[in-house]
N, C-alpha and C. Protein backbone atom coordinates (compact mmCIF):
# COMPACT_ATOMS: atom_id res chain seq x y z
N UNK A 1 0.84 -1.18 0.00
CA UNK A 1 0.00 0.00 0.00
C UNK A 1 0.88 1.25 0.00
N UNK A 2 0.44 2.26 -0.72
CA UNK A 2 1.17 3.51 -0.84
C UNK A 2 0.24 4.65 -0.47
N UNK A 3 0.78 5.59 0.30
CA UNK A 3 0.03 6.77 0.66
C UNK A 3 0.86 8.01 0.35
N UNK A 4 0.22 8.99 -0.28
CA UNK A 4 0.85 10.26 -0.60
C UNK A 4 0.08 11.36 0.11
N UNK A 5 0.77 12.15 0.91
CA UNK A 5 0.15 13.22 1.68
C UNK A 5 0.76 14.54 1.28
N UNK A 6 -0.07 15.45 0.78
CA UNK A 6 0.39 16.73 0.29
C UNK A 6 0.17 17.84 1.31
N UNK A 7 0.96 18.89 1.17
CA UNK A 7 0.82 20.07 2.00
C UNK A 7 1.43 21.26 1.27
N UNK A 8 1.13 22.46 1.74
CA UNK A 8 1.75 23.66 1.21
C UNK A 8 0.87 24.53 0.33
N UNK A 9 -0.31 24.06 -0.01
CA UNK A 9 -1.20 24.85 -0.83
C UNK A 9 -1.78 26.02 -0.05
N UNK A 10 -2.40 26.95 -0.78
CA UNK A 10 -3.00 28.10 -0.14
C UNK A 10 -3.23 29.23 -1.11
N UNK A 11 -3.46 30.41 -0.55
CA UNK A 11 -3.71 31.61 -1.33
C UNK A 11 -2.45 32.45 -1.41
N UNK A 12 -2.13 32.89 -2.62
CA UNK A 12 -0.94 33.70 -2.83
C UNK A 12 -1.24 34.76 -3.89
N UNK A 13 -0.59 35.91 -3.78
CA UNK A 13 -0.78 36.99 -4.75
C UNK A 13 0.01 36.72 -6.02
N UNK A 14 -0.44 37.26 -7.14
CA UNK A 14 0.33 37.12 -8.38
C UNK A 14 1.77 37.58 -8.19
N UNK A 15 2.70 36.81 -8.73
CA UNK A 15 4.11 37.10 -8.57
C UNK A 15 4.73 36.46 -7.35
N UNK A 16 3.91 35.90 -6.49
CA UNK A 16 4.39 35.26 -5.28
C UNK A 16 4.86 33.85 -5.51
N UNK A 17 5.20 33.18 -4.41
CA UNK A 17 5.76 31.83 -4.46
C UNK A 17 5.09 30.92 -3.46
N UNK A 18 5.06 29.64 -3.79
CA UNK A 18 4.61 28.59 -2.89
C UNK A 18 5.49 27.37 -3.09
N UNK A 19 5.62 26.58 -2.04
CA UNK A 19 6.35 25.33 -2.12
C UNK A 19 5.44 24.21 -1.65
N UNK A 20 5.10 23.31 -2.55
CA UNK A 20 4.28 22.17 -2.23
C UNK A 20 5.15 20.98 -1.84
N UNK A 21 4.67 20.20 -0.88
CA UNK A 21 5.36 19.01 -0.45
C UNK A 21 4.44 17.81 -0.57
N UNK A 22 5.02 16.66 -0.85
CA UNK A 22 4.27 15.40 -0.93
C UNK A 22 5.10 14.31 -0.28
N UNK A 23 4.65 13.87 0.88
CA UNK A 23 5.35 12.83 1.63
C UNK A 23 4.76 11.47 1.29
N UNK A 24 5.62 10.54 0.90
CA UNK A 24 5.19 9.20 0.53
C UNK A 24 5.51 8.20 1.64
N UNK A 25 4.62 7.25 1.82
CA UNK A 25 4.84 6.21 2.81
C UNK A 25 4.22 4.91 2.31
N UNK A 26 4.61 3.79 2.92
CA UNK A 26 4.08 2.50 2.55
C UNK A 26 5.08 1.67 1.77
N UNK A 27 4.56 0.81 0.91
CA UNK A 27 5.37 -0.13 0.15
C UNK A 27 5.94 0.54 -1.10
N UNK A 28 6.99 1.29 -0.89
CA UNK A 28 7.64 2.01 -1.99
C UNK A 28 8.99 1.37 -2.27
N UNK A 29 9.12 0.75 -3.42
CA UNK A 29 10.39 0.15 -3.84
C UNK A 29 11.11 1.02 -4.85
N UNK A 30 10.39 1.92 -5.48
CA UNK A 30 10.98 2.83 -6.45
C UNK A 30 10.37 4.21 -6.25
N UNK A 31 11.21 5.18 -6.00
CA UNK A 31 10.76 6.56 -5.80
C UNK A 31 11.11 7.40 -7.00
N UNK A 32 11.23 6.76 -8.16
CA UNK A 32 11.70 7.44 -9.35
C UNK A 32 10.60 8.09 -10.18
N UNK A 33 9.46 7.41 -10.28
CA UNK A 33 8.39 7.91 -11.14
C UNK A 33 7.47 8.90 -10.46
N UNK A 34 8.01 10.04 -10.07
CA UNK A 34 7.24 11.05 -9.35
C UNK A 34 6.86 12.19 -10.29
N UNK A 35 5.68 12.75 -10.06
CA UNK A 35 5.21 13.84 -10.89
C UNK A 35 4.20 14.69 -10.15
N UNK A 36 4.02 15.91 -10.63
CA UNK A 36 2.97 16.80 -10.17
C UNK A 36 2.01 17.09 -11.31
N UNK A 37 0.73 17.00 -11.02
CA UNK A 37 -0.33 17.35 -11.95
C UNK A 37 -1.17 18.46 -11.35
N UNK A 38 -2.00 19.08 -12.18
CA UNK A 38 -2.95 20.06 -11.67
C UNK A 38 -4.23 20.00 -12.49
N UNK A 39 -5.31 20.42 -11.86
CA UNK A 39 -6.60 20.44 -12.53
C UNK A 39 -7.35 21.70 -12.13
N UNK A 40 -7.62 22.54 -13.10
CA UNK A 40 -8.39 23.75 -12.89
C UNK A 40 -9.87 23.46 -13.15
N UNK A 41 -10.77 24.26 -12.60
CA UNK A 41 -12.20 24.05 -12.82
C UNK A 41 -12.55 24.03 -14.30
N UNK A 42 -13.29 23.00 -14.72
CA UNK A 42 -13.71 22.88 -16.11
C UNK A 42 -12.65 22.38 -17.05
N UNK A 43 -11.48 22.02 -16.55
CA UNK A 43 -10.40 21.55 -17.39
C UNK A 43 -9.96 20.16 -16.95
N UNK A 44 -9.32 19.44 -17.86
CA UNK A 44 -8.79 18.12 -17.53
C UNK A 44 -7.49 18.24 -16.76
N UNK A 45 -7.20 17.19 -16.02
CA UNK A 45 -5.96 17.15 -15.28
C UNK A 45 -4.78 17.14 -16.25
N UNK A 46 -3.78 17.96 -15.96
CA UNK A 46 -2.64 18.08 -16.84
C UNK A 46 -1.34 17.90 -16.08
N UNK A 47 -0.35 17.39 -16.79
CA UNK A 47 0.97 17.19 -16.22
C UNK A 47 1.67 18.54 -16.07
N UNK A 48 2.22 18.78 -14.89
CA UNK A 48 2.95 20.02 -14.61
C UNK A 48 4.45 19.78 -14.65
N UNK A 49 4.90 18.76 -13.93
CA UNK A 49 6.32 18.47 -13.85
C UNK A 49 6.52 17.01 -13.51
N UNK A 50 7.61 16.43 -14.01
CA UNK A 50 7.89 15.03 -13.74
C UNK A 50 9.38 14.85 -13.46
N UNK A 51 9.67 14.05 -12.46
CA UNK A 51 11.03 13.69 -12.09
C UNK A 51 11.11 12.17 -12.23
N UNK A 52 11.60 11.71 -13.37
CA UNK A 52 11.54 10.30 -13.72
C UNK A 52 12.89 9.61 -13.63
N UNK A 53 12.99 8.46 -14.29
CA UNK A 53 14.19 7.63 -14.24
C UNK A 53 15.44 8.40 -14.63
N UNK A 54 16.50 8.17 -13.87
CA UNK A 54 17.75 8.84 -14.14
C UNK A 54 17.79 10.29 -13.73
N UNK A 55 16.75 10.75 -13.05
CA UNK A 55 16.71 12.12 -12.61
C UNK A 55 16.26 13.10 -13.67
N UNK A 56 15.71 12.60 -14.77
CA UNK A 56 15.23 13.46 -15.83
C UNK A 56 14.05 14.29 -15.35
N UNK A 57 14.11 15.58 -15.60
CA UNK A 57 13.05 16.49 -15.21
C UNK A 57 12.46 17.16 -16.44
N UNK A 58 11.14 17.13 -16.53
CA UNK A 58 10.44 17.77 -17.62
C UNK A 58 9.30 18.61 -17.07
N UNK A 59 8.98 19.69 -17.79
CA UNK A 59 7.96 20.62 -17.35
C UNK A 59 7.02 20.98 -18.48
N UNK A 60 5.80 21.29 -18.11
CA UNK A 60 4.87 21.83 -19.09
C UNK A 60 5.38 23.20 -19.54
N UNK A 61 5.12 23.54 -20.78
CA UNK A 61 5.59 24.82 -21.32
C UNK A 61 5.07 26.00 -20.50
N UNK A 62 3.89 25.86 -19.96
CA UNK A 62 3.27 26.96 -19.23
C UNK A 62 3.96 27.28 -17.90
N UNK A 63 4.74 26.34 -17.38
CA UNK A 63 5.39 26.55 -16.09
C UNK A 63 6.91 26.52 -16.18
N UNK A 64 7.44 26.21 -17.33
CA UNK A 64 8.88 26.10 -17.50
C UNK A 64 9.57 27.41 -17.15
N UNK A 65 10.61 27.31 -16.34
CA UNK A 65 11.34 28.48 -15.90
C UNK A 65 10.80 29.08 -14.62
N UNK A 66 9.60 28.65 -14.19
CA UNK A 66 9.00 29.18 -12.98
C UNK A 66 8.87 28.12 -11.89
N UNK A 67 8.63 26.87 -12.30
CA UNK A 67 8.43 25.78 -11.35
C UNK A 67 9.64 24.85 -11.35
N UNK A 68 9.91 24.25 -10.21
CA UNK A 68 11.00 23.29 -10.08
C UNK A 68 10.54 22.09 -9.26
N UNK A 69 10.71 20.89 -9.81
CA UNK A 69 10.40 19.68 -9.08
C UNK A 69 11.69 19.12 -8.50
N UNK A 70 11.62 18.64 -7.28
CA UNK A 70 12.78 18.05 -6.63
C UNK A 70 12.32 17.02 -5.62
N UNK A 71 13.25 16.28 -5.06
CA UNK A 71 12.88 15.27 -4.07
C UNK A 71 13.99 15.00 -3.08
N UNK A 72 13.58 14.49 -1.95
CA UNK A 72 14.47 14.06 -0.90
C UNK A 72 14.20 12.58 -0.68
N UNK A 73 15.09 11.72 -1.15
CA UNK A 73 14.88 10.29 -1.06
C UNK A 73 14.94 9.78 0.38
N UNK A 74 15.68 10.46 1.23
CA UNK A 74 15.76 10.06 2.63
C UNK A 74 14.42 10.27 3.31
N UNK A 75 13.78 11.39 3.02
CA UNK A 75 12.49 11.71 3.60
C UNK A 75 11.32 11.19 2.78
N UNK A 76 11.61 10.59 1.62
CA UNK A 76 10.58 10.09 0.70
C UNK A 76 9.57 11.20 0.40
N UNK A 77 10.08 12.36 0.07
CA UNK A 77 9.24 13.52 -0.17
C UNK A 77 9.61 14.18 -1.49
N UNK A 78 8.60 14.55 -2.25
CA UNK A 78 8.80 15.28 -3.49
C UNK A 78 8.25 16.69 -3.31
N UNK A 79 8.91 17.66 -3.92
CA UNK A 79 8.54 19.06 -3.77
C UNK A 79 8.24 19.69 -5.12
N UNK A 80 7.45 20.73 -5.07
CA UNK A 80 7.23 21.57 -6.23
C UNK A 80 7.37 23.02 -5.80
N UNK A 81 8.47 23.63 -6.18
CA UNK A 81 8.69 25.04 -5.91
C UNK A 81 8.07 25.85 -7.03
N UNK A 82 7.16 26.74 -6.69
CA UNK A 82 6.43 27.53 -7.67
C UNK A 82 6.73 29.01 -7.45
N UNK A 83 7.35 29.63 -8.44
CA UNK A 83 7.70 31.04 -8.38
C UNK A 83 6.97 31.81 -9.47
N UNK A 84 6.93 33.13 -9.30
CA UNK A 84 6.29 34.01 -10.28
C UNK A 84 4.90 33.52 -10.64
N UNK A 85 4.12 33.22 -9.64
CA UNK A 85 2.80 32.62 -9.85
C UNK A 85 1.85 33.58 -10.56
N UNK A 86 1.01 33.01 -11.41
CA UNK A 86 0.03 33.74 -12.19
C UNK A 86 -1.37 33.25 -11.84
N UNK A 87 -2.38 34.08 -12.07
CA UNK A 87 -3.75 33.64 -11.80
C UNK A 87 -4.11 32.34 -12.52
N UNK A 88 -3.58 32.13 -13.71
CA UNK A 88 -3.88 30.92 -14.46
C UNK A 88 -3.25 29.67 -13.86
N UNK A 89 -2.40 29.84 -12.85
CA UNK A 89 -1.85 28.70 -12.13
C UNK A 89 -2.83 28.16 -11.09
N UNK A 90 -3.92 28.87 -10.87
CA UNK A 90 -4.92 28.44 -9.90
C UNK A 90 -5.49 27.08 -10.28
N UNK A 91 -5.39 26.11 -9.37
CA UNK A 91 -5.84 24.76 -9.64
C UNK A 91 -5.66 23.92 -8.39
N UNK A 92 -6.19 22.71 -8.44
CA UNK A 92 -5.87 21.71 -7.44
C UNK A 92 -4.65 20.95 -7.93
N UNK A 93 -3.63 20.88 -7.11
CA UNK A 93 -2.39 20.23 -7.48
C UNK A 93 -2.29 18.86 -6.84
N UNK A 94 -1.90 17.87 -7.64
CA UNK A 94 -1.83 16.48 -7.20
C UNK A 94 -0.43 15.92 -7.35
N UNK A 95 0.00 15.19 -6.35
CA UNK A 95 1.24 14.44 -6.41
C UNK A 95 0.94 13.03 -6.90
N UNK A 96 1.82 12.48 -7.75
CA UNK A 96 1.59 11.16 -8.31
C UNK A 96 2.86 10.33 -8.32
N UNK A 97 2.71 9.05 -7.98
CA UNK A 97 3.78 8.07 -8.05
C UNK A 97 3.37 6.95 -9.00
N UNK A 98 4.25 6.57 -9.89
CA UNK A 98 4.03 5.39 -10.74
C UNK A 98 5.01 4.31 -10.31
N UNK A 99 4.47 3.14 -9.99
CA UNK A 99 5.28 2.04 -9.52
C UNK A 99 4.69 0.73 -10.00
N UNK A 100 5.49 -0.07 -10.68
CA UNK A 100 5.08 -1.38 -11.19
C UNK A 100 3.80 -1.29 -12.01
N UNK A 101 3.70 -0.28 -12.81
CA UNK A 101 2.55 -0.11 -13.69
C UNK A 101 1.31 0.45 -13.02
N UNK A 102 1.38 0.74 -11.74
CA UNK A 102 0.25 1.30 -11.01
C UNK A 102 0.49 2.76 -10.68
N UNK A 103 -0.59 3.52 -10.64
CA UNK A 103 -0.53 4.94 -10.31
C UNK A 103 -1.11 5.18 -8.93
N UNK A 104 -0.42 6.00 -8.16
CA UNK A 104 -0.86 6.37 -6.83
C UNK A 104 -0.93 7.89 -6.76
N UNK A 105 -2.03 8.40 -6.22
CA UNK A 105 -2.28 9.83 -6.19
C UNK A 105 -2.44 10.36 -4.78
N UNK A 106 -1.99 11.58 -4.59
CA UNK A 106 -2.29 12.29 -3.37
C UNK A 106 -3.71 12.81 -3.39
N UNK A 107 -4.14 13.41 -2.30
CA UNK A 107 -5.51 13.89 -2.18
C UNK A 107 -5.74 15.21 -2.90
N UNK A 108 -4.68 15.88 -3.26
CA UNK A 108 -4.77 17.17 -3.92
C UNK A 108 -4.74 18.32 -2.93
N UNK A 109 -4.15 19.42 -3.33
CA UNK A 109 -4.11 20.61 -2.50
C UNK A 109 -4.42 21.83 -3.36
N UNK A 110 -5.26 22.71 -2.85
CA UNK A 110 -5.72 23.86 -3.61
C UNK A 110 -4.68 24.97 -3.61
N UNK A 111 -4.39 25.47 -4.80
CA UNK A 111 -3.53 26.64 -4.97
C UNK A 111 -4.35 27.73 -5.66
N UNK A 112 -4.47 28.87 -5.01
CA UNK A 112 -5.22 29.98 -5.56
C UNK A 112 -4.32 31.19 -5.68
N UNK A 113 -4.21 31.72 -6.88
CA UNK A 113 -3.38 32.89 -7.14
C UNK A 113 -4.31 34.06 -7.46
N UNK A 114 -4.39 35.00 -6.55
CA UNK A 114 -5.33 36.11 -6.70
C UNK A 114 -4.88 37.27 -5.84
N UNK A 115 -5.19 38.48 -6.30
CA UNK A 115 -4.91 39.68 -5.53
C UNK A 115 -6.07 40.04 -4.62
């Protein structure tokens, strides 16, 4: 069993920053397939950032240069540093782990960017 617990969401003004955390626990044999997704109202869930095999990091064009995904393998925690936030970044953000062909999701945390 795998559990992902997120924290760090909230309300921030445009241009501000937030750091999301996702702590993983349970039967984790590979901490490599980690990613962050987001879903805005009326839109489908979209990939924001992924930290995959070999440490490869990829980002959606809309967040490239502003967001950074990272992880601490000792703490089994993945982070999403979000800088220069825009109103269009407003969404529910989800942490995801892929392991042995199965997907595990966090509960989601709300990020609202507004003045």
